[in-house]
Amino acid sequence: MDLHTIIKKAHIEWKQNPSHAVDELEVISKYNYMFNPKNINNLTAANYKSFLNFRNNKHWTGLERQGSEITQDMQKFKNTLKLLLDETIPIDQRIRRIRDKDSPEYHKGFGTAYYTPILLVVYPIKYPVINRIVKDALQKTGLYPDYDSKPEWVAYVEILPKIVELAKRNSISLWQMDWVWFNISSTLDYGGLYNFISNTMDAKTTYQPLMIGTLLKKGIASKEDIDEKIRQENPDKENDFASQEVYEVLVDKHKIVKLEANSYKLNLAQPLTSIQTEKLVELCNQEIVRIREIKGLKGKNVSKTHLDILKKFHKKTGKYLSAEEIYGKKGSLDTKKSPLLLMKMLMSHITCIT
């Protein structure tokens, strides 16, 4: 699902649920006053921590964990806010002064996810929020894929006009853009799921590929169905075995799977074609085979180094490798630089202990 489709959905969502607009107006009005530069001297730690709570800001979660560290020196924090909100200074200079560790005004813990919401509520048409979800969405859309590769004061100034222009062009507020980013970040397409299975997923057991494979085949499944499939494929487990970790990883951490009406389904932006489904199922099956092979080799005391090499070769299955990747750098006899030599060593080791 592309960016402009999600933006259209945001317009529909706001029209069908007037409470969104009410929340937006209420939060911005309340905290615009609280963080107004003229009122910073009256700010208390409790005031600021109330803003970090989702029940109050109605928009951002997980901010409470840094509240105590940020407000440890309240006078310093007030000075930080005054600097952050001083419109007579270019925004990149303000951010650098409070975030560059070599700056005497550096404020520990007060990262992008903390200072950009304050910028938004004080200047709601000028400064967008940047956090982990937004960065992920920017990467998925290709709008700004390398945010963390640059200093935050550089990256923020580069992406700021793009987001502001995007919102203006589509008649949507910067507050609403957060809803757009969230929906982009929390959904997958075929390429995203393929990349997760083949690159991101670092499963030590068959549970993750089994769960994804089950949902690819069935479309939707209950927890009982998934647990039963895991037990069937892992007969060494007890009859009442259930892995909590697989749900924590795929649902909570990576958001590959979502829970709806007591059943699980893949968090896809749009349905897969039959060919795409077949390819992903095969990818899951390959991963299951790989994990079982690794488990068998561990039982034969194959070293971790050799197992890591084998894993890398599994990941390269079906891909073109340059001569240097296969043989190492020209003229080098260092086995640490030659995957092929290491693979020969591994296969020799496996043959000897079989």
Protein backbone atom coordinates (compact mmCIF):
# COMPACT_ATOMS: atom_id res chain seq x y z
CA MET A 1 0.00 0.00 0.00
CA ASP A 2 1.57 3.26 -1.14
CA LEU A 3 1.95 6.53 0.74
CA HIS A 4 -0.83 8.40 -1.03
CA THR A 5 -3.31 5.56 -0.48
CA ILE A 6 -2.61 5.70 3.26
CA ILE A 7 -3.05 9.48 3.24
CA LYS A 8 -6.47 9.04 1.61
CA LYS A 9 -7.29 6.51 4.33
CA ALA A 10 -6.30 9.09 6.94
CA HIS A 11 -8.81 11.57 5.52
CA ILE A 12 -11.52 8.90 5.68
CA GLU A 13 -10.50 7.88 9.21
CA TRP A 14 -10.73 11.47 10.47
CA LYS A 15 -14.09 11.95 8.76
CA GLN A 16 -15.57 8.73 10.16
CA ASN A 17 -14.12 9.21 13.65
CA PRO A 18 -14.53 12.85 14.78
CA SER A 19 -12.87 11.98 18.09
CA HIS A 20 -9.49 12.04 16.31
CA ALA A 21 -9.87 15.73 15.52
CA VAL A 22 -11.07 16.41 19.07
CA ASP A 23 -8.01 14.67 20.52
CA GLU A 24 -5.69 16.57 18.19
CA LEU A 25 -7.13 19.94 19.15
CA GLU A 26 -7.21 19.11 22.86
CA VAL A 27 -3.63 17.83 23.08
CA ILE A 28 -2.09 20.58 20.98
CA SER A 29 -3.99 23.29 22.86
CA LYS A 30 -3.05 21.94 26.28
CA TYR A 31 0.64 21.30 25.63
CA ASN A 32 1.11 24.29 23.35
CA TYR A 33 0.38 26.37 26.43
CA MET A 34 2.48 24.23 28.76
CA PHE A 35 5.57 24.30 26.53
CA ASN A 36 5.15 27.86 25.33
CA PRO A 37 8.58 29.52 25.76
CA LYS A 38 6.96 32.14 27.99
CA ASN A 39 5.76 29.41 30.38
CA ILE A 40 8.87 27.19 30.54
CA ASN A 41 9.95 28.62 33.91
CA ASN A 42 6.71 27.28 35.45
CA LEU A 43 7.18 23.76 34.09
CA THR A 44 7.58 20.97 36.65
CA ALA A 45 8.92 17.46 36.23
CA ALA A 46 5.41 16.12 36.90
CA ASN A 47 4.01 18.34 34.14
CA TYR A 48 6.51 17.00 31.63
CA LYS A 49 6.05 13.37 32.68
CA SER A 50 2.29 13.74 32.24
CA PHE A 51 2.95 14.67 28.61
CA LEU A 52 4.94 11.46 28.11
CA ASN A 53 1.95 9.31 29.11
CA PHE A 54 -0.11 8.05 26.17
CA ARG A 55 -3.33 8.59 28.11
CA ASN A 56 -2.54 12.31 28.03
CA ASN A 57 -0.74 12.87 24.73
CA LYS A 58 -3.10 10.38 22.96
CA HIS A 59 -0.58 9.88 20.21
CA TRP A 60 2.83 8.53 21.26
CA THR A 61 3.60 5.42 23.31
CA GLY A 62 6.66 4.24 25.22
CA LEU A 63 7.98 7.67 26.17
CA GLU A 64 7.69 7.29 29.95
CA ARG A 65 10.89 5.27 30.31
CA GLN A 66 13.19 8.29 29.82
CA GLY A 67 11.19 10.82 31.84
CA SER A 68 13.17 10.62 35.06
CA GLU A 69 16.56 10.83 33.33
CA ILE A 70 15.51 13.82 31.23
CA THR A 71 14.16 15.77 34.22
CA GLN A 72 16.93 14.79 36.65
CA ASP A 73 18.28 18.34 36.46
CA MET A 74 15.11 20.37 35.99
CA GLN A 75 16.82 23.71 35.52
CA LYS A 76 19.03 22.25 32.81
CA PHE A 77 15.94 20.78 31.15
CA LYS A 78 14.20 24.16 31.19
CA ASN A 79 17.25 25.71 29.55
CA THR A 80 17.23 22.91 26.97
CA LEU A 81 13.57 23.59 26.13
CA LYS A 82 14.18 27.33 25.85
CA LEU A 83 16.96 26.67 23.39
CA LEU A 84 14.97 24.05 21.45
CA LEU A 85 12.02 26.43 21.01
CA ASP A 86 14.01 29.59 20.24
CA GLU A 87 12.92 30.45 16.70
CA THR A 88 15.62 33.10 16.34
CA ILE A 89 18.15 30.26 15.97
CA PRO A 90 18.13 27.88 12.95
CA ILE A 91 16.62 24.51 13.91
CA ASP A 92 19.71 22.51 12.94
CA GLN A 93 21.85 24.62 15.27
CA ARG A 94 19.36 24.20 18.11
CA ILE A 95 19.27 20.43 17.73
CA ARG A 96 23.03 20.16 17.46
CA ARG A 97 23.56 22.19 20.61
CA ILE A 98 21.28 19.94 22.69
CA ARG A 99 22.20 16.63 21.02
CA ASP A 100 25.87 16.78 20.04
CA LYS A 101 27.73 15.01 22.82
CA ASP A 102 30.60 17.45 22.45
CA SER A 103 28.31 20.40 23.12
CA PRO A 104 28.22 21.88 26.65
CA GLU A 105 24.42 22.07 26.25
CA TYR A 106 24.04 18.37 25.38
CA HIS A 107 21.01 16.82 27.11
CA LYS A 108 21.31 13.10 27.70
CA GLY A 109 18.22 11.01 26.92
CA PHE A 110 16.39 13.83 25.16
CA GLY A 111 16.44 12.21 21.74
CA THR A 112 14.48 12.76 18.54
CA ALA A 113 11.40 10.89 19.77
CA TYR A 114 11.27 13.25 22.78
CA TYR A 115 12.02 16.71 21.43
CA THR A 116 10.11 16.50 18.11
CA PRO A 117 6.67 15.99 19.75
CA ILE A 118 7.32 19.17 21.76
CA LEU A 119 8.25 21.01 18.57
CA LEU A 120 5.01 19.80 17.00
CA VAL A 121 2.65 20.86 19.80
CA VAL A 122 4.29 24.30 20.05
CA TYR A 123 4.62 24.84 16.29
CA PRO A 124 2.02 22.40 14.83
CA ILE A 125 2.32 23.44 11.18
CA LYS A 126 6.10 23.71 11.11
CA TYR A 127 7.79 20.73 12.73
CA PRO A 128 6.98 17.03 12.15
CA VAL A 129 7.64 14.25 14.67
CA ILE A 130 10.47 11.80 14.04
CA ASN A 131 10.69 8.52 15.96
CA ARG A 132 11.39 4.86 15.26
CA ILE A 133 8.04 4.34 13.53
CA VAL A 134 8.48 7.41 11.31
CA LYS A 135 12.02 6.37 10.37
CA ASP A 136 10.76 2.92 9.40
CA ALA A 137 7.99 4.43 7.27
CA LEU A 138 10.41 6.85 5.62
CA GLN A 139 12.59 3.89 4.71
CA LYS A 140 9.69 1.83 3.36
CA THR A 141 8.42 4.67 1.19
CA GLY A 142 11.91 5.60 0.03
CA LEU A 143 11.24 9.18 1.08
CA TYR A 144 14.30 9.22 3.34
CA PRO A 145 15.76 5.71 3.81
CA ASP A 146 18.96 6.52 5.71
CA TYR A 147 17.94 8.79 8.61
CA ASP A 148 20.21 7.23 11.21
CA SER A 149 23.25 7.33 8.94
CA LYS A 150 23.54 11.08 9.51
CA PRO A 151 23.69 13.31 12.59
CA GLU A 152 20.13 13.97 13.70
CA TRP A 153 20.46 17.73 13.24
CA VAL A 154 21.42 17.12 9.59
CA ALA A 155 18.79 14.46 8.90
CA TYR A 156 15.96 16.40 10.52
CA VAL A 157 16.62 19.54 8.49
CA GLU A 158 16.77 17.51 5.28
CA ILE A 159 13.50 15.62 5.81
CA LEU A 160 11.56 18.46 7.46
CA PRO A 161 10.60 20.37 4.26
CA LYS A 162 9.66 17.15 2.48
CA ILE A 163 7.19 16.11 5.17
CA VAL A 164 5.78 19.63 5.57
CA GLU A 165 5.28 19.93 1.80
CA LEU A 166 3.71 16.46 1.64
CA ALA A 167 1.24 17.36 4.39
CA LYS A 168 0.42 20.72 2.82
CA ARG A 169 -0.09 19.24 -0.63
CA ASN A 170 -2.49 16.63 0.73
CA SER A 171 -4.34 18.97 3.14
CA ILE A 172 -3.35 16.92 6.16
CA SER A 173 -1.89 18.08 9.48
CA LEU A 174 1.51 17.05 10.76
CA TRP A 175 -0.32 15.41 13.67
CA GLN A 176 -2.28 13.29 11.18
CA MET A 177 0.94 12.42 9.36
CA ASP A 178 1.92 10.43 12.44
CA TRP A 179 -1.14 8.23 11.82
CA VAL A 180 0.01 7.83 8.21
CA TRP A 181 3.54 6.82 9.22
CA PHE A 182 2.23 4.36 11.79
CA ASN A 183 0.03 2.62 9.23
CA ILE A 184 2.88 2.40 6.73
CA SER A 185 5.31 1.11 9.34
CA SER A 186 2.94 -1.50 10.74
CA THR A 187 1.99 -3.14 7.43
CA LEU A 188 3.95 -5.39 5.07
CA ASP A 189 4.03 -6.06 1.37
CA TYR A 190 5.43 -9.13 -0.38
CA GLY A 191 8.94 -7.66 -0.54
CA GLY A 192 8.90 -6.75 3.12
CA LEU A 193 7.82 -10.21 4.22
CA TYR A 194 10.33 -11.87 1.89
CA ASN A 195 13.10 -9.70 3.31
CA PHE A 196 12.07 -10.49 6.88
CA ILE A 197 12.11 -14.26 6.33
CA SER A 198 15.35 -14.32 4.33
CA ASN A 199 17.35 -11.61 6.13
CA THR A 200 15.87 -10.21 9.34
CA MET A 201 14.46 -13.33 10.96
CA ASP A 202 17.12 -14.90 13.16
CA ALA A 203 15.23 -17.94 14.38
CA LYS A 204 16.99 -20.45 16.59
CA THR A 205 13.98 -22.80 16.45
CA THR A 206 11.46 -23.66 13.73
CA TYR A 207 8.63 -21.83 15.50
CA GLN A 208 8.79 -18.54 13.55
CA PRO A 209 8.88 -20.03 10.03
CA LEU A 210 6.22 -22.55 11.09
CA MET A 211 3.89 -19.79 12.29
CA ILE A 212 4.42 -17.66 9.19
CA GLY A 213 4.06 -20.68 6.91
CA THR A 214 0.82 -21.71 8.64
CA LEU A 215 -0.66 -18.24 8.20
CA LEU A 216 0.45 -18.10 4.55
CA LYS A 217 -1.40 -21.35 3.87
CA LYS A 218 -4.50 -20.76 6.01
CA GLY A 219 -4.78 -16.99 5.95
CA ILE A 220 -5.94 -16.91 9.55
CA ALA A 221 -5.34 -19.22 12.51
CA SER A 222 -6.07 -19.38 16.22
CA LYS A 223 -3.36 -19.63 18.84
CA GLU A 224 -4.42 -23.22 19.42
CA ASP A 225 -3.92 -24.04 15.71
CA ILE A 226 -0.46 -22.46 15.66
CA ASP A 227 0.64 -24.12 18.91
CA GLU A 228 -0.56 -27.48 17.61
CA LYS A 229 1.39 -27.06 14.37
CA ILE A 230 4.54 -26.24 16.33
CA ARG A 231 4.06 -29.33 18.51
CA GLN A 232 3.48 -31.56 15.44
CA GLU A 233 6.72 -30.39 13.87
CA ASN A 234 8.61 -30.66 17.15
CA PRO A 235 7.62 -34.08 18.56
CA ASP A 236 10.20 -33.78 21.34
CA LYS A 237 7.97 -31.15 22.99
CA GLU A 238 5.33 -32.03 25.56
CA ASN A 239 1.64 -32.21 24.60
CA ASP A 240 0.82 -28.92 26.30
CA PHE A 241 3.88 -27.02 24.99
CA ALA A 242 3.30 -23.47 23.77
CA SER A 243 5.96 -20.94 22.82
CA GLN A 244 5.28 -17.45 24.10
CA GLU A 245 8.44 -16.13 22.46
CA VAL A 246 7.21 -16.69 18.91
CA TYR A 247 4.24 -14.36 19.55
CA GLU A 248 6.42 -11.76 21.26
CA VAL A 249 8.82 -11.72 18.29
CA LEU A 250 6.37 -11.84 15.38
CA VAL A 251 3.47 -9.87 16.89
CA ASP A 252 4.95 -7.44 19.41
CA LYS A 253 8.51 -6.85 18.22
CA HIS A 254 8.45 -7.06 14.43
CA LYS A 255 4.69 -6.70 13.82
CA ILE A 256 4.80 -9.35 11.09
CA VAL A 257 1.63 -10.88 12.51
CA LYS A 258 -1.39 -9.17 14.06
CA LEU A 259 -4.13 -10.39 16.36
CA GLU A 260 -7.71 -9.78 15.26
CA ALA A 261 -10.80 -11.19 16.97
CA ASN A 262 -8.80 -13.90 18.82
CA SER A 263 -7.13 -15.09 15.62
CA TYR A 264 -3.78 -14.36 14.03
CA LYS A 265 -3.09 -13.20 10.48
CA LEU A 266 -0.16 -11.73 8.59
CA ASN A 267 0.02 -7.96 8.82
CA LEU A 268 -0.12 -7.40 5.05
CA ALA A 269 -1.09 -4.18 3.33
CA GLN A 270 -2.76 -6.14 0.53
CA PRO A 271 -3.39 -9.82 -0.34
CA LEU A 272 -0.58 -11.85 -1.86
CA THR A 273 -0.85 -13.52 -5.24
CA SER A 274 -0.81 -17.32 -5.35
CA ILE A 275 2.71 -17.24 -6.81
CA GLN A 276 3.94 -14.91 -4.06
CA THR A 277 2.39 -17.15 -1.42
CA GLU A 278 4.04 -20.25 -2.88
CA LYS A 279 7.46 -18.54 -2.92
CA LEU A 280 7.12 -17.42 0.69
CA VAL A 281 5.94 -20.85 1.85
CA GLU A 282 8.96 -22.39 0.12
CA LEU A 283 11.20 -19.82 1.81
CA CYS A 284 9.75 -20.79 5.21
CA ASN A 285 10.29 -24.47 4.43
CA GLN A 286 13.93 -23.78 3.49
CA GLU A 287 14.41 -21.95 6.77
CA ILE A 288 12.89 -24.89 8.69
CA VAL A 289 15.29 -27.28 6.94
CA ARG A 290 18.23 -24.98 7.72
CA ILE A 291 17.34 -24.76 11.41
CA ARG A 292 17.00 -28.54 11.65
CA GLU A 293 20.35 -29.03 9.93
CA ILE A 294 22.00 -26.61 12.34
CA LYS A 295 20.40 -28.41 15.28
CA GLY A 296 21.72 -31.74 13.99
CA LEU A 297 25.22 -30.37 13.52
CA LYS A 298 25.22 -28.93 17.04
CA GLY A 299 24.60 -32.46 18.26
CA LYS A 300 27.78 -33.49 16.46
CA ASN A 301 29.84 -30.79 18.22
CA VAL A 302 30.41 -28.68 15.10
CA SER A 303 31.94 -25.38 16.17
CA LYS A 304 29.97 -22.14 16.29
CA THR A 305 32.32 -20.61 13.71
CA HIS A 306 31.53 -23.33 11.20
CA LEU A 307 27.80 -23.09 11.94
CA ASP A 308 27.90 -19.34 11.31
CA ILE A 309 29.61 -19.98 7.96
CA LEU A 310 26.96 -22.50 7.00
CA LYS A 311 24.24 -20.02 7.93
CA LYS A 312 25.80 -17.41 5.63
CA PHE A 313 25.84 -19.88 2.76
CA HIS A 314 22.19 -20.70 3.37
CA LYS A 315 21.39 -16.98 3.15
CA LYS A 316 23.21 -16.78 -0.19
CA THR A 317 21.27 -19.67 -1.74
CA GLY A 318 20.19 -18.78 -5.26
CA LYS A 319 22.16 -15.52 -5.30
CA TYR A 320 25.07 -14.51 -7.52
CA LEU A 321 28.39 -14.32 -5.71
CA SER A 322 31.38 -12.39 -6.99
CA ALA A 323 34.71 -14.17 -7.30
CA GLU A 324 36.04 -12.20 -4.37
CA GLU A 325 33.10 -13.28 -2.18
CA ILE A 326 33.74 -16.92 -3.09
CA TYR A 327 37.53 -17.12 -3.11
CA GLY A 328 38.53 -14.17 -0.97
CA LYS A 329 40.80 -11.33 -2.13
CA LYS A 330 43.19 -12.19 -4.93
CA GLY A 331 46.42 -13.71 -3.67
CA SER A 332 45.07 -14.23 -0.17
CA LEU A 333 45.43 -17.59 1.51
CA ASP A 334 43.77 -16.40 4.70
CA THR A 335 40.84 -18.76 5.30
CA LYS A 336 39.13 -16.04 7.33
CA LYS A 337 38.75 -14.13 4.04
CA SER A 338 37.73 -17.06 1.86
CA PRO A 339 34.21 -18.42 2.42
CA LEU A 340 34.82 -21.25 -0.07
CA LEU A 341 37.84 -22.53 1.82
CA LEU A 342 35.95 -22.28 5.07
CA MET A 343 33.04 -24.16 3.56
CA LYS A 344 35.40 -26.91 2.40
CA MET A 345 36.77 -27.11 5.92
CA LEU A 346 33.23 -27.33 7.31
CA MET A 347 32.15 -30.08 4.93
CA SER A 348 35.35 -31.99 5.66
CA HIS A 349 34.66 -31.67 9.38
CA ILE A 350 31.08 -32.85 8.97
CA THR A 351 32.21 -35.84 6.87
CA CYS A 352 34.73 -36.86 9.49
CA ILE A 353 32.26 -36.85 12.35
CA THR A 354 29.30 -38.42 10.52
